[in-house]
Amino acid sequence: MNLALVFYSWAVFSARRNGLHRKHLLLFGFGLLCDYLGTHLMLLYGLSTGVVPEWHILVGIASLSGMAFHLLLAFVAAMVSRTEGVNRLFHRVSLIIYSGWLIAFLTGSVAGISGK
């Protein structure tokens, strides 16, 4: 999950600062892959120990879906060839989705620490 945080944060803020480039698509993709693998491994661990926070499963699914949508949106924005309106919309939506993902990341940390 920490790798997902690194790659996803790097992609969001680098794309915002330097404009969206194809390298950012790779960073978004690696962030999504790391998040998926981390989520899957934590779910398996939770099922094996009997501690699965149901409320966080919903938050996690929404977060993972948001990340996947974000990758798709980045792909579309990159293919449109820097149309100013698309880039402005992308960066606005990007911060909203990133904030939602960050909330899920933090609540997952709290759920993991508290065991609930």
C-alpha atoms as a PDB file:
ATOM      1  CA  MET A   1       0.000   0.000   0.000  1.00  0.00           C
ATOM      2  CA  ASN A   2       2.899   2.315   0.671  1.00  0.00           C
ATOM      3  CA  LEU A   3       4.145   1.777  -2.882  1.00  0.00           C
ATOM      4  CA  ALA A   4       0.675   2.671  -4.125  1.00  0.00           C
ATOM      5  CA  LEU A   5       0.883   5.877  -2.096  1.00  0.00           C
ATOM      6  CA  VAL A   6       4.291   6.722  -3.571  1.00  0.00           C
ATOM      7  CA  PHE A   7       3.400   6.018  -7.212  1.00  0.00           C
ATOM      8  CA  TYR A   8      -0.065   7.561  -7.046  1.00  0.00           C
ATOM      9  CA  SER A   9       1.115  10.722  -5.273  1.00  0.00           C
ATOM     10  CA  TRP A  10       4.022  11.051  -7.690  1.00  0.00           C
ATOM     11  CA  ALA A  11       1.692  10.716 -10.687  1.00  0.00           C
ATOM     12  CA  VAL A  12      -0.903  13.186  -9.419  1.00  0.00           C
ATOM     13  CA  PHE A  13       1.450  15.947  -8.347  1.00  0.00           C
ATOM     14  CA  SER A  14       4.000  15.528 -11.124  1.00  0.00           C
ATOM     15  CA  ALA A  15       1.242  15.645 -13.750  1.00  0.00           C
ATOM     16  CA  ARG A  16      -0.213  18.705 -12.065  1.00  0.00           C
ATOM     17  CA  ARG A  17       3.135  20.496 -11.976  1.00  0.00           C
ATOM     18  CA  ASN A  18       4.556  19.470 -15.376  1.00  0.00           C
ATOM     19  CA  GLY A  19       1.424  18.718 -17.372  1.00  0.00           C
ATOM     20  CA  LEU A  20       0.125  15.256 -18.142  1.00  0.00           C
ATOM     21  CA  HIS A  21       2.600  13.109 -20.071  1.00  0.00           C
ATOM     22  CA  ARG A  22       2.593   9.450 -21.020  1.00  0.00           C
ATOM     23  CA  LYS A  23       5.069   8.640 -18.255  1.00  0.00           C
ATOM     24  CA  HIS A  24       2.346   9.643 -15.803  1.00  0.00           C
ATOM     25  CA  LEU A  25       0.117   6.922 -17.239  1.00  0.00           C
ATOM     26  CA  LEU A  26       2.742   4.391 -16.150  1.00  0.00           C
ATOM     27  CA  LEU A  27       2.887   5.914 -12.686  1.00  0.00           C
ATOM     28  CA  PHE A  28      -0.916   5.843 -12.392  1.00  0.00           C
ATOM     29  CA  GLY A  29      -0.865   2.237 -13.604  1.00  0.00           C
ATOM     30  CA  PHE A  30       1.830   1.166 -11.129  1.00  0.00           C
ATOM     31  CA  GLY A  31      -0.065   2.909  -8.322  1.00  0.00           C
ATOM     32  CA  LEU A  32      -3.263   1.082  -9.275  1.00  0.00           C
ATOM     33  CA  LEU A  33      -1.448  -2.258  -9.528  1.00  0.00           C
ATOM     34  CA  CYS A  34       0.215  -1.788  -6.127  1.00  0.00           C
ATOM     35  CA  ASP A  35      -3.103  -0.763  -4.580  1.00  0.00           C
ATOM     36  CA  TYR A  36      -4.874  -3.788  -6.047  1.00  0.00           C
ATOM     37  CA  LEU A  37      -2.170  -6.207  -4.887  1.00  0.00           C
ATOM     38  CA  GLY A  38      -2.006  -4.632  -1.428  1.00  0.00           C
ATOM     39  CA  THR A  39      -5.778  -4.701  -1.084  1.00  0.00           C
ATOM     40  CA  HIS A  40      -5.936  -8.316  -2.207  1.00  0.00           C
ATOM     41  CA  LEU A  41      -3.188  -9.402   0.194  1.00  0.00           C
ATOM     42  CA  MET A  42      -4.758  -7.548   3.119  1.00  0.00           C
ATOM     43  CA  LEU A  43      -8.149  -9.110   2.358  1.00  0.00           C
ATOM     44  CA  LEU A  44      -6.578 -12.589   2.325  1.00  0.00           C
ATOM     45  CA  TYR A  45      -4.823 -11.825   5.609  1.00  0.00           C
ATOM     46  CA  GLY A  46      -8.046 -10.503   7.140  1.00  0.00           C
ATOM     47  CA  LEU A  47      -9.986 -13.565   6.047  1.00  0.00           C
ATOM     48  CA  SER A  48      -7.326 -15.886   7.494  1.00  0.00           C
ATOM     49  CA  THR A  49      -7.367 -14.101  10.864  1.00  0.00           C
ATOM     50  CA  GLY A  50     -11.108 -13.492  10.968  1.00  0.00           C
ATOM     51  CA  VAL A  51     -10.668  -9.725  11.193  1.00  0.00           C
ATOM     52  CA  VAL A  52     -12.240  -8.064   8.156  1.00  0.00           C
ATOM     53  CA  PRO A  53     -13.550  -4.522   8.671  1.00  0.00           C
ATOM     54  CA  GLU A  54     -16.710  -4.563   6.540  1.00  0.00           C
ATOM     55  CA  TRP A  55     -16.995  -0.779   6.428  1.00  0.00           C
ATOM     56  CA  HIS A  56     -13.490  -0.506   5.020  1.00  0.00           C
ATOM     57  CA  ILE A  57     -14.212  -3.056   2.287  1.00  0.00           C
ATOM     58  CA  LEU A  58     -16.785  -0.634   0.869  1.00  0.00           C
ATOM     59  CA  VAL A  59     -14.389   2.286   1.172  1.00  0.00           C
ATOM     60  CA  GLY A  60     -11.638   0.222  -0.447  1.00  0.00           C
ATOM     61  CA  ILE A  61     -13.787  -0.856  -3.387  1.00  0.00           C
ATOM     62  CA  ALA A  62     -14.857   2.733  -3.991  1.00  0.00           C
ATOM     63  CA  SER A  63     -11.238   3.869  -3.752  1.00  0.00           C
ATOM     64  CA  LEU A  64      -9.932   1.200  -6.131  1.00  0.00           C
ATOM     65  CA  SER A  65     -12.728   2.014  -8.574  1.00  0.00           C
ATOM     66  CA  GLY A  66     -11.862   5.699  -8.356  1.00  0.00           C
ATOM     67  CA  MET A  67      -8.224   4.923  -9.097  1.00  0.00           C
ATOM     68  CA  ALA A  68      -9.183   2.822 -12.126  1.00  0.00           C
ATOM     69  CA  PHE A  69     -11.429   5.620 -13.384  1.00  0.00           C
ATOM     70  CA  HIS A  70      -8.592   8.076 -12.786  1.00  0.00           C
ATOM     71  CA  LEU A  71      -6.230   5.974 -14.918  1.00  0.00           C
ATOM     72  CA  LEU A  72      -8.810   5.831 -17.691  1.00  0.00           C
ATOM     73  CA  LEU A  73      -9.363   9.586 -17.465  1.00  0.00           C
ATOM     74  CA  ALA A  74      -5.588  10.180 -17.600  1.00  0.00           C
ATOM     75  CA  PHE A  75      -5.371   7.994 -20.696  1.00  0.00           C
ATOM     76  CA  VAL A  76      -8.152   9.959 -22.420  1.00  0.00           C
ATOM     77  CA  ALA A  77      -6.644  13.307 -21.391  1.00  0.00           C
ATOM     78  CA  ALA A  78      -3.199  12.244 -22.670  1.00  0.00           C
ATOM     79  CA  MET A  79      -4.636  11.117 -26.000  1.00  0.00           C
ATOM     80  CA  VAL A  80      -6.527  14.392 -26.553  1.00  0.00           C
ATOM     81  CA  SER A  81      -3.167  16.119 -26.989  1.00  0.00           C
ATOM     82  CA  ARG A  82      -3.116  18.781 -24.361  1.00  0.00           C
ATOM     83  CA  THR A  83      -6.435  20.451 -24.983  1.00  0.00           C
ATOM     84  CA  GLU A  84      -6.476  23.111 -22.264  1.00  0.00           C
ATOM     85  CA  GLY A  85     -10.059  22.456 -21.130  1.00  0.00           C
ATOM     86  CA  VAL A  86      -9.496  18.710 -20.813  1.00  0.00           C
ATOM     87  CA  ASN A  87      -6.289  19.187 -18.842  1.00  0.00           C
ATOM     88  CA  ARG A  88      -7.916  21.685 -16.482  1.00  0.00           C
ATOM     89  CA  LEU A  89     -10.836  19.311 -15.878  1.00  0.00           C
ATOM     90  CA  PHE A  90      -8.458  16.375 -15.447  1.00  0.00           C
ATOM     91  CA  HIS A  91      -6.403  18.137 -12.778  1.00  0.00           C
ATOM     92  CA  ARG A  92      -9.518  19.269 -10.915  1.00  0.00           C
ATOM     93  CA  VAL A  93     -11.005  15.769 -10.919  1.00  0.00           C
ATOM     94  CA  SER A  94      -7.578  14.338 -10.167  1.00  0.00           C
ATOM     95  CA  LEU A  95      -7.355  16.079  -6.798  1.00  0.00           C
ATOM     96  CA  ILE A  96     -10.871  14.974  -5.849  1.00  0.00           C
ATOM     97  CA  ILE A  97     -10.189  11.318  -6.656  1.00  0.00           C
ATOM     98  CA  TYR A  98      -6.761  11.472  -5.000  1.00  0.00           C
ATOM     99  CA  SER A  99      -8.294  12.955  -1.835  1.00  0.00           C
ATOM    100  CA  GLY A 100     -10.872  10.156  -1.726  1.00  0.00           C
ATOM    101  CA  TRP A 101      -8.137   7.572  -2.185  1.00  0.00           C
ATOM    102  CA  LEU A 102      -6.049   9.174   0.546  1.00  0.00           C
ATOM    103  CA  ILE A 103      -9.007   9.000   2.952  1.00  0.00           C
ATOM    104  CA  ALA A 104      -9.374   5.295   2.155  1.00  0.00           C
ATOM    105  CA  PHE A 105      -5.629   4.805   2.667  1.00  0.00           C
ATOM    106  CA  LEU A 106      -5.722   6.516   6.064  1.00  0.00           C
ATOM    107  CA  THR A 107      -8.898   4.760   7.257  1.00  0.00           C
ATOM    108  CA  GLY A 108      -7.316   1.464   6.216  1.00  0.00           C
ATOM    109  CA  SER A 109      -4.309   2.271   8.351  1.00  0.00           C
ATOM    110  CA  VAL A 110      -6.562   3.071  11.307  1.00  0.00           C
ATOM    111  CA  ALA A 111      -8.582  -0.117  10.739  1.00  0.00           C
ATOM    112  CA  GLY A 112      -5.375  -2.164  10.572  1.00  0.00           C
ATOM    113  CA  ILE A 113      -3.936  -0.639  13.720  1.00  0.00           C
ATOM    114  CA  SER A 114      -7.148  -0.919  15.728  1.00  0.00           C
ATOM    115  CA  GLY A 115      -7.975  -4.402  14.433  1.00  0.00           C
ATOM    116  CA  LYS A 116     -11.568  -3.412  13.631  1.00  0.00           C
END
